[in-house]
Amino acid sequence: MLGRVISSRRWSLVLPSLTVLCCAVGCSAAAEVTPPTPEGASVRHCRALHKELPQTVDGLKRTSAEPASDFTAVWGDPAVQLRCGVPKPADLTPGSEHYNPDSTAAEVNGVKWFFEKQDDGYRFTTVLRKTYVEVNVPGKYAPEVNTLTDLAAAVKKTVPEGV
């Protein structure tokens, strides 16, 4: 009987400690990302992209987005955020989607991206593809364009070229 009492007391001390340790080490908050609302064929492209996305981007591990969606993905903390099926960027004008040294577009591993400077980092959006894919990269990860290297293969495989 005494042995059972001691065991119960030990567990009453150990369980709260384990709970605190678990939350401190392994319970990071999910990154909040507003899912876009793609329509038509874009839904199919985005779901296919979601399945092909890498587990790491520029050395950052994939984490959870909140709310969970087939149209979003995140890596690292602060989060690199991907949203598929977004509207055309307002600043994307005829000619700006083609690479030239004076424009705000670049090609990375066969995928063309339009880029916009943000308060802290850059927003990159695919161009000349059937569906727009947006990637927001915090300035902490400069040069921010490096994240696109790991995303290009998945985009090329699942989001067809075209306008």
N, C-alpha and C. Protein backbone atom coordinates (compact mmCIF):
# COMPACT_ATOMS: atom_id res chain seq x y z
N MET A 1 0.81 -1.19 0.00
CA MET A 1 0.00 0.00 0.00
C MET A 1 0.86 1.26 0.00
N LEU A 2 1.90 1.28 0.83
CA LEU A 2 2.78 2.44 0.89
C LEU A 2 3.46 2.68 -0.45
N GLY A 3 3.85 1.59 -1.14
CA GLY A 3 4.48 1.71 -2.46
C GLY A 3 3.57 2.40 -3.47
N ARG A 4 2.29 2.11 -3.43
CA ARG A 4 1.33 2.73 -4.35
C ARG A 4 1.15 4.21 -4.03
N VAL A 5 1.18 4.58 -2.79
CA VAL A 5 1.05 5.98 -2.40
C VAL A 5 2.25 6.78 -2.90
N ILE A 6 3.44 6.24 -2.73
CA ILE A 6 4.65 6.92 -3.19
C ILE A 6 4.61 7.08 -4.70
N SER A 7 4.22 6.05 -5.43
CA SER A 7 4.13 6.13 -6.89
C SER A 7 3.14 7.20 -7.31
N SER A 8 2.00 7.26 -6.66
CA SER A 8 1.00 8.28 -7.00
C SER A 8 1.55 9.68 -6.77
N ARG A 9 2.26 9.85 -5.68
CA ARG A 9 2.83 11.17 -5.38
C ARG A 9 3.88 11.54 -6.41
N ARG A 10 4.71 10.59 -6.81
CA ARG A 10 5.74 10.87 -7.82
C ARG A 10 5.09 11.30 -9.13
N TRP A 11 4.07 10.57 -9.55
CA TRP A 11 3.40 10.93 -10.80
C TRP A 11 2.72 12.29 -10.70
N SER A 12 2.21 12.62 -9.54
CA SER A 12 1.56 13.93 -9.40
C SER A 12 2.56 15.05 -9.56
N LEU A 13 3.83 14.78 -9.29
CA LEU A 13 4.88 15.78 -9.49
C LEU A 13 5.44 15.72 -10.90
N VAL A 14 5.53 14.54 -11.46
CA VAL A 14 6.16 14.35 -12.77
C VAL A 14 5.26 14.81 -13.92
N LEU A 15 3.99 14.47 -13.89
CA LEU A 15 3.10 14.79 -15.01
C LEU A 15 3.03 16.29 -15.32
N PRO A 16 2.83 17.16 -14.34
CA PRO A 16 2.82 18.59 -14.68
C PRO A 16 4.15 19.04 -15.26
N SER A 17 5.25 18.51 -14.77
CA SER A 17 6.56 18.88 -15.29
C SER A 17 6.72 18.46 -16.74
N LEU A 18 6.27 17.24 -17.07
CA LEU A 18 6.35 16.77 -18.45
C LEU A 18 5.49 17.61 -19.38
N THR A 19 4.33 18.02 -18.92
CA THR A 19 3.45 18.85 -19.73
C THR A 19 4.11 20.18 -20.05
N VAL A 20 4.70 20.82 -19.06
CA VAL A 20 5.39 22.10 -19.28
C VAL A 20 6.56 21.91 -20.23
N LEU A 21 7.33 20.86 -20.05
CA LEU A 21 8.48 20.60 -20.90
C LEU A 21 8.05 20.36 -22.34
N CYS A 22 7.02 19.58 -22.53
CA CYS A 22 6.53 19.30 -23.88
C CYS A 22 6.13 20.59 -24.58
N CYS A 23 5.39 21.43 -23.92
CA CYS A 23 4.93 22.66 -24.53
C CYS A 23 6.07 23.63 -24.79
N ALA A 24 7.05 23.65 -23.92
CA ALA A 24 8.19 24.54 -24.10
C ALA A 24 9.07 24.10 -25.26
N VAL A 25 9.20 22.79 -25.47
CA VAL A 25 10.11 22.29 -26.48
C VAL A 25 9.41 22.02 -27.81
N GLY A 26 8.27 21.34 -27.78
CA GLY A 26 7.71 20.87 -29.03
C GLY A 26 6.38 21.44 -29.42
N CYS A 27 5.85 22.37 -28.72
CA CYS A 27 4.52 22.87 -29.01
C CYS A 27 4.59 24.31 -29.51
N SER A 28 5.11 24.50 -30.72
CA SER A 28 5.18 25.86 -31.24
C SER A 28 3.84 26.22 -31.86
N ALA A 29 3.51 27.48 -31.82
CA ALA A 29 2.24 27.94 -32.37
C ALA A 29 2.29 27.88 -33.89
N ALA A 30 1.17 27.52 -34.49
CA ALA A 30 1.08 27.48 -35.94
C ALA A 30 1.07 28.91 -36.48
N ALA A 31 1.66 29.10 -37.65
CA ALA A 31 1.67 30.42 -38.28
C ALA A 31 0.29 30.70 -38.88
N GLU A 32 -0.23 31.87 -38.62
CA GLU A 32 -1.52 32.25 -39.17
C GLU A 32 -1.34 32.76 -40.59
N VAL A 33 -2.02 32.11 -41.53
CA VAL A 33 -1.96 32.47 -42.94
C VAL A 33 -3.38 32.44 -43.49
N THR A 34 -3.81 33.52 -44.11
CA THR A 34 -5.14 33.57 -44.69
C THR A 34 -5.15 32.80 -46.00
N PRO A 35 -5.92 31.73 -46.08
CA PRO A 35 -5.95 30.96 -47.34
C PRO A 35 -6.67 31.75 -48.43
N PRO A 36 -6.12 31.72 -49.64
CA PRO A 36 -6.84 32.35 -50.76
C PRO A 36 -8.03 31.48 -51.15
N THR A 37 -8.82 31.95 -52.09
CA THR A 37 -10.00 31.20 -52.54
C THR A 37 -9.91 31.01 -54.06
N PRO A 38 -9.03 30.12 -54.51
CA PRO A 38 -8.90 29.91 -55.96
C PRO A 38 -10.17 29.30 -56.53
N GLU A 39 -10.32 29.44 -57.84
CA GLU A 39 -11.49 28.90 -58.52
C GLU A 39 -11.05 28.09 -59.74
N GLY A 40 -11.95 27.26 -60.22
CA GLY A 40 -11.72 26.50 -61.45
C GLY A 40 -10.49 25.62 -61.39
N ALA A 41 -9.71 25.62 -62.47
CA ALA A 41 -8.52 24.78 -62.59
C ALA A 41 -7.46 25.14 -61.54
N SER A 42 -7.50 26.37 -61.04
CA SER A 42 -6.52 26.77 -60.02
C SER A 42 -6.62 25.92 -58.76
N VAL A 43 -7.81 25.47 -58.43
CA VAL A 43 -7.99 24.60 -57.26
C VAL A 43 -7.19 23.32 -57.46
N ARG A 44 -7.29 22.73 -58.63
CA ARG A 44 -6.57 21.50 -58.94
C ARG A 44 -5.05 21.73 -58.93
N HIS A 45 -4.60 22.84 -59.52
CA HIS A 45 -3.16 23.16 -59.54
C HIS A 45 -2.63 23.33 -58.12
N CYS A 46 -3.37 24.05 -57.30
CA CYS A 46 -2.92 24.32 -55.93
C CYS A 46 -2.88 23.06 -55.08
N ARG A 47 -3.86 22.21 -55.23
CA ARG A 47 -3.85 20.95 -54.46
C ARG A 47 -2.68 20.07 -54.90
N ALA A 48 -2.39 20.04 -56.19
CA ALA A 48 -1.25 19.26 -56.69
C ALA A 48 0.06 19.86 -56.15
N LEU A 49 0.16 21.18 -56.16
CA LEU A 49 1.36 21.85 -55.64
C LEU A 49 1.55 21.52 -54.17
N HIS A 50 0.48 21.57 -53.40
CA HIS A 50 0.55 21.31 -51.96
C HIS A 50 1.18 19.94 -51.67
N LYS A 51 0.84 18.95 -52.49
CA LYS A 51 1.37 17.60 -52.31
C LYS A 51 2.85 17.50 -52.67
N GLU A 52 3.33 18.39 -53.56
CA GLU A 52 4.71 18.33 -54.04
C GLU A 52 5.67 19.25 -53.29
N LEU A 53 5.15 20.09 -52.40
CA LEU A 53 6.01 21.05 -51.71
C LEU A 53 7.05 20.34 -50.85
N PRO A 54 8.26 20.89 -50.80
CA PRO A 54 9.33 20.26 -50.02
C PRO A 54 9.13 20.43 -48.52
N GLN A 55 9.77 19.55 -47.75
CA GLN A 55 9.72 19.62 -46.29
C GLN A 55 10.66 20.70 -45.75
N THR A 56 11.65 21.09 -46.55
CA THR A 56 12.54 22.19 -46.15
C THR A 56 12.69 23.17 -47.30
N VAL A 57 12.79 24.43 -46.96
CA VAL A 57 13.01 25.51 -47.90
C VAL A 57 14.14 26.36 -47.35
N ASP A 58 15.21 26.46 -48.09
CA ASP A 58 16.38 27.24 -47.66
C ASP A 58 16.81 26.85 -46.24
N GLY A 59 16.74 25.56 -45.94
CA GLY A 59 17.14 25.04 -44.64
C GLY A 59 16.09 25.17 -43.55
N LEU A 60 14.93 25.72 -43.86
CA LEU A 60 13.86 25.90 -42.88
C LEU A 60 12.88 24.73 -42.97
N LYS A 61 12.51 24.17 -41.82
CA LYS A 61 11.58 23.04 -41.80
C LYS A 61 10.13 23.51 -41.96
N ARG A 62 9.37 22.69 -42.65
CA ARG A 62 7.95 22.98 -42.83
C ARG A 62 7.24 22.84 -41.50
N THR A 63 6.34 23.78 -41.22
CA THR A 63 5.56 23.77 -39.99
C THR A 63 4.08 23.86 -40.35
N SER A 64 3.24 24.05 -39.36
CA SER A 64 1.80 24.08 -39.58
C SER A 64 1.30 25.49 -39.81
N ALA A 65 0.37 25.59 -40.75
CA ALA A 65 -0.33 26.86 -40.99
C ALA A 65 -1.70 26.77 -40.33
N GLU A 66 -2.19 27.90 -39.87
CA GLU A 66 -3.50 27.96 -39.23
C GLU A 66 -4.32 29.02 -39.93
N PRO A 67 -5.46 28.72 -40.49
CA PRO A 67 -6.08 27.41 -40.52
C PRO A 67 -5.39 26.51 -41.56
N ALA A 68 -5.49 25.20 -41.36
CA ALA A 68 -4.91 24.26 -42.31
C ALA A 68 -5.65 24.39 -43.65
N SER A 69 -4.88 24.35 -44.75
CA SER A 69 -5.49 24.51 -46.07
C SER A 69 -4.58 23.90 -47.13
N ASP A 70 -5.19 23.40 -48.20
CA ASP A 70 -4.42 22.91 -49.34
C ASP A 70 -3.84 24.07 -50.15
N PHE A 71 -4.17 25.29 -49.78
CA PHE A 71 -3.73 26.46 -50.53
C PHE A 71 -2.65 27.26 -49.83
N THR A 72 -2.15 26.76 -48.69
CA THR A 72 -1.09 27.46 -47.95
C THR A 72 -0.05 26.47 -47.44
N ALA A 73 1.14 27.00 -47.17
CA ALA A 73 2.22 26.22 -46.55
C ALA A 73 3.17 27.21 -45.89
N VAL A 74 3.85 26.77 -44.83
CA VAL A 74 4.80 27.63 -44.14
C VAL A 74 6.05 26.85 -43.74
N TRP A 75 7.15 27.59 -43.65
CA TRP A 75 8.44 27.03 -43.22
C TRP A 75 9.09 28.03 -42.27
N GLY A 76 9.69 27.54 -41.19
CA GLY A 76 10.48 28.37 -40.29
C GLY A 76 9.66 29.24 -39.35
N ASP A 77 10.41 30.02 -38.55
CA ASP A 77 9.82 30.96 -37.59
C ASP A 77 10.78 32.14 -37.43
N PRO A 78 10.47 33.33 -37.93
CA PRO A 78 9.21 33.72 -38.55
C PRO A 78 8.99 32.96 -39.85
N ALA A 79 7.75 32.80 -40.22
CA ALA A 79 7.38 31.90 -41.30
C ALA A 79 7.57 32.48 -42.69
N VAL A 80 8.18 31.66 -43.55
CA VAL A 80 8.09 31.87 -45.00
C VAL A 80 6.72 31.31 -45.35
N GLN A 81 5.88 32.13 -45.99
CA GLN A 81 4.50 31.74 -46.24
C GLN A 81 4.23 31.60 -47.73
N LEU A 82 3.67 30.48 -48.13
CA LEU A 82 3.26 30.26 -49.51
C LEU A 82 1.74 30.23 -49.55
N ARG A 83 1.17 30.94 -50.55
CA ARG A 83 -0.28 30.91 -50.78
C ARG A 83 -0.49 30.67 -52.27
N CYS A 84 -1.30 29.69 -52.59
CA CYS A 84 -1.55 29.34 -53.99
C CYS A 84 -2.97 29.71 -54.38
N GLY A 85 -3.10 30.31 -55.58
CA GLY A 85 -4.42 30.71 -56.05
C GLY A 85 -4.77 32.13 -55.67
N VAL A 86 -3.75 32.95 -55.47
CA VAL A 86 -3.98 34.36 -55.12
C VAL A 86 -4.34 35.16 -56.36
N PRO A 87 -4.94 36.34 -56.19
CA PRO A 87 -5.21 37.20 -57.33
C PRO A 87 -3.92 37.75 -57.93
N LYS A 88 -4.01 38.23 -59.14
CA LYS A 88 -2.88 38.89 -59.81
C LYS A 88 -2.46 40.09 -58.97
N PRO A 89 -1.14 40.26 -58.73
CA PRO A 89 -0.68 41.43 -57.96
C PRO A 89 -1.07 42.74 -58.66
N ALA A 90 -1.51 43.71 -57.89
CA ALA A 90 -1.95 44.99 -58.44
C ALA A 90 -0.83 45.70 -59.21
N ASP A 91 0.42 45.53 -58.75
CA ASP A 91 1.55 46.21 -59.40
C ASP A 91 2.09 45.48 -60.62
N LEU A 92 1.54 44.33 -60.94
CA LEU A 92 1.99 43.57 -62.11
C LEU A 92 1.38 44.19 -63.35
N THR A 93 2.22 44.80 -64.17
CA THR A 93 1.76 45.50 -65.36
C THR A 93 2.34 44.83 -66.60
N PRO A 94 1.76 45.08 -67.77
CA PRO A 94 2.30 44.46 -68.99
C PRO A 94 3.80 44.75 -69.13
N GLY A 95 4.56 43.70 -69.35
CA GLY A 95 6.01 43.83 -69.50
C GLY A 95 6.79 43.59 -68.23
N SER A 96 6.18 43.80 -67.07
CA SER A 96 6.92 43.64 -65.82
C SER A 96 7.15 42.18 -65.47
N GLU A 97 6.42 41.26 -66.16
CA GLU A 97 6.59 39.84 -65.86
C GLU A 97 7.76 39.22 -66.61
N HIS A 98 8.39 39.97 -67.50
CA HIS A 98 9.54 39.46 -68.25
C HIS A 98 10.83 39.96 -67.61
N TYR A 99 11.81 39.07 -67.53
CA TYR A 99 13.06 39.44 -66.87
C TYR A 99 13.86 40.42 -67.73
N ASN A 100 14.28 41.47 -67.12
CA ASN A 100 15.33 42.34 -67.65
C ASN A 100 15.92 43.04 -66.44
N PRO A 101 17.16 43.51 -66.53
CA PRO A 101 17.83 44.06 -65.35
C PRO A 101 17.11 45.23 -64.69
N ASP A 102 16.25 45.92 -65.43
CA ASP A 102 15.58 47.09 -64.86
C ASP A 102 14.18 46.79 -64.33
N SER A 103 13.74 45.54 -64.44
CA SER A 103 12.38 45.23 -64.02
C SER A 103 12.35 44.66 -62.61
N THR A 104 11.15 44.31 -62.17
CA THR A 104 10.98 43.71 -60.85
C THR A 104 10.59 42.25 -61.00
N ALA A 105 11.21 41.57 -61.95
CA ALA A 105 10.94 40.15 -62.16
C ALA A 105 12.26 39.42 -62.37
N ALA A 106 12.26 38.15 -62.01
CA ALA A 106 13.45 37.33 -62.18
C ALA A 106 13.03 35.89 -62.42
N GLU A 107 13.93 35.12 -63.02
CA GLU A 107 13.67 33.70 -63.23
C GLU A 107 14.57 32.91 -62.30
N VAL A 108 13.98 31.95 -61.59
CA VAL A 108 14.72 31.09 -60.68
C VAL A 108 14.39 29.65 -61.04
N ASN A 109 15.37 28.92 -61.51
CA ASN A 109 15.21 27.51 -61.87
C ASN A 109 14.01 27.26 -62.78
N GLY A 110 13.85 28.11 -63.78
CA GLY A 110 12.80 27.91 -64.76
C GLY A 110 11.43 28.45 -64.39
N VAL A 111 11.31 29.13 -63.26
CA VAL A 111 10.04 29.74 -62.85
C VAL A 111 10.26 31.24 -62.76
N LYS A 112 9.38 32.00 -63.43
CA LYS A 112 9.48 33.47 -63.38
C LYS A 112 8.66 33.99 -62.21
N TRP A 113 9.26 34.96 -61.51
CA TRP A 113 8.66 35.54 -60.31
C TRP A 113 8.65 37.06 -60.42
N PHE A 114 7.56 37.65 -60.03
CA PHE A 114 7.42 39.10 -59.85
C PHE A 114 7.69 39.36 -58.39
N PHE A 115 8.53 40.36 -58.07
CA PHE A 115 8.81 40.58 -56.65
C PHE A 115 8.49 42.00 -56.22
N GLU A 116 8.05 42.08 -54.97
CA GLU A 116 7.66 43.36 -54.37
C GLU A 116 8.32 43.48 -53.00
N LYS A 117 9.00 44.58 -52.76
CA LYS A 117 9.61 44.86 -51.46
C LYS A 117 8.49 45.12 -50.46
N GLN A 118 8.59 44.50 -49.30
CA GLN A 118 7.64 44.69 -48.19
C GLN A 118 8.36 45.41 -47.05
N ASP A 119 7.64 45.76 -45.99
CA ASP A 119 8.26 46.41 -44.84
C ASP A 119 9.39 45.56 -44.27
N ASP A 120 9.20 44.23 -44.25
CA ASP A 120 10.22 43.34 -43.73
C ASP A 120 10.36 42.14 -44.65
N GLY A 121 11.08 42.31 -45.75
CA GLY A 121 11.32 41.21 -46.67
C GLY A 121 10.71 41.46 -48.03
N TYR A 122 10.37 40.35 -48.71
CA TYR A 122 9.84 40.44 -50.07
C TYR A 122 8.65 39.51 -50.23
N ARG A 123 7.77 39.91 -51.18
CA ARG A 123 6.70 39.04 -51.64
C ARG A 123 7.04 38.70 -53.09
N PHE A 124 7.07 37.40 -53.39
CA PHE A 124 7.33 36.91 -54.74
C PHE A 124 6.06 36.25 -55.25
N THR A 125 5.69 36.52 -56.51
CA THR A 125 4.51 35.91 -57.09
C THR A 125 4.88 35.36 -58.46
N THR A 126 4.48 34.11 -58.73
CA THR A 126 4.76 33.53 -60.03
C THR A 126 4.04 34.31 -61.11
N VAL A 127 4.66 34.37 -62.28
CA VAL A 127 4.03 34.99 -63.45
C VAL A 127 4.15 34.03 -64.63
N LEU A 128 3.32 34.29 -65.64
CA LEU A 128 3.28 33.48 -66.85
C LEU A 128 2.95 32.02 -66.54
N ARG A 129 2.10 31.82 -65.52
CA ARG A 129 1.60 30.50 -65.14
C ARG A 129 0.08 30.59 -65.05
N LYS A 130 -0.59 29.46 -65.14
CA LYS A 130 -2.06 29.42 -65.11
C LYS A 130 -2.65 29.83 -63.77
N THR A 131 -1.85 29.72 -62.71
CA THR A 131 -2.29 30.07 -61.36
C THR A 131 -1.18 30.86 -60.68
N TYR A 132 -1.56 31.92 -59.97
CA TYR A 132 -0.56 32.72 -59.24
C TYR A 132 -0.24 32.05 -57.91
N VAL A 133 1.06 31.93 -57.64
CA VAL A 133 1.55 31.39 -56.37
C VAL A 133 2.38 32.50 -55.72
N GLU A 134 2.06 32.83 -54.48
CA GLU A 134 2.71 33.91 -53.75
C GLU A 134 3.56 33.34 -52.62
N VAL A 135 4.76 33.89 -52.46
CA VAL A 135 5.65 33.48 -51.37
C VAL A 135 6.12 34.74 -50.65
N ASN A 136 5.81 34.84 -49.36
CA ASN A 136 6.25 35.96 -48.53
C ASN A 136 7.44 35.51 -47.69
N VAL A 137 8.56 36.25 -47.83
CA VAL A 137 9.79 35.86 -47.14
C VAL A 137 10.25 37.00 -46.23
N PRO A 138 10.31 36.75 -44.92
CA PRO A 138 10.80 37.79 -43.99
C PRO A 138 12.26 38.16 -44.27
N GLY A 139 12.60 39.40 -43.99
CA GLY A 139 13.95 39.91 -44.20
C GLY A 139 15.02 39.15 -43.45
N LYS A 140 14.64 38.44 -42.39
CA LYS A 140 15.59 37.65 -41.62
C LYS A 140 16.32 36.64 -42.50
N TYR A 141 15.68 36.23 -43.60
CA TYR A 141 16.23 35.19 -44.46
C TYR A 141 16.92 35.76 -45.71
N ALA A 142 17.39 37.00 -45.64
CA ALA A 142 18.07 37.61 -46.78
C ALA A 142 19.30 36.80 -47.16
N PRO A 143 19.59 36.67 -48.44
CA PRO A 143 18.79 37.13 -49.56
C PRO A 143 17.53 36.27 -49.72
N GLU A 144 16.40 36.94 -49.70
CA GLU A 144 15.10 36.29 -49.66
C GLU A 144 14.83 35.40 -50.87
N VAL A 145 15.40 35.75 -52.00
CA VAL A 145 15.19 34.99 -53.23
C VAL A 145 15.68 33.55 -53.12
N ASN A 146 16.57 33.24 -52.18
CA ASN A 146 17.09 31.88 -52.03
C ASN A 146 15.99 30.86 -51.75
N THR A 147 14.91 31.28 -51.12
CA THR A 147 13.82 30.33 -50.82
C THR A 147 13.17 29.80 -52.09
N LEU A 148 13.20 30.58 -53.16
CA LEU A 148 12.54 30.19 -54.41
C LEU A 148 13.22 29.00 -55.08
N THR A 149 14.51 28.84 -54.83
CA THR A 149 15.25 27.74 -55.42
C THR A 149 14.63 26.40 -55.05
N ASP A 150 14.23 26.24 -53.80
CA ASP A 150 13.66 24.98 -53.33
C ASP A 150 12.19 24.80 -53.71
N LEU A 151 11.53 25.86 -54.15
CA LEU A 151 10.12 25.77 -54.51
C LEU A 151 9.89 25.60 -56.01
N ALA A 152 10.88 25.93 -56.81
CA ALA A 152 10.72 25.96 -58.27
C ALA A 152 10.29 24.62 -58.85
N ALA A 153 10.91 23.52 -58.45
CA ALA A 153 10.58 22.22 -59.03
C ALA A 153 9.11 21.86 -58.81
N ALA A 154 8.61 22.10 -57.62
CA ALA A 154 7.21 21.79 -57.33
C ALA A 154 6.27 22.66 -58.16
N VAL A 155 6.60 23.95 -58.29
CA VAL A 155 5.76 24.86 -59.09
C VAL A 155 5.78 24.41 -60.56
N LYS A 156 6.96 24.14 -61.10
CA LYS A 156 7.07 23.71 -62.51
C LYS A 156 6.27 22.44 -62.77
N LYS A 157 6.28 21.52 -61.83
CA LYS A 157 5.61 20.23 -62.00
C LYS A 157 4.09 20.33 -61.94
N THR A 158 3.56 21.28 -61.19
CA THR A 158 2.12 21.29 -60.91
C THR A 158 1.33 22.48 -61.43
N VAL A 159 2.00 23.58 -61.70
CA VAL A 159 1.30 24.78 -62.18
C VAL A 159 1.75 25.07 -63.61
N PRO A 160 0.91 24.76 -64.59
CA PRO A 160 1.32 24.91 -66.00
C PRO A 160 1.60 26.36 -66.40
N GLU A 161 2.49 26.48 -67.38
CA GLU A 161 2.76 27.80 -67.94
C GLU A 161 1.54 28.27 -68.72
N GLY A 162 1.42 29.56 -68.85
CA GLY A 162 0.31 30.16 -69.59
C GLY A 162 -0.19 31.38 -68.85
N VAL A 163 -1.12 32.05 -69.45
CA VAL A 163 -1.70 33.23 -68.82
C VAL A 163 -3.19 33.13 -68.75
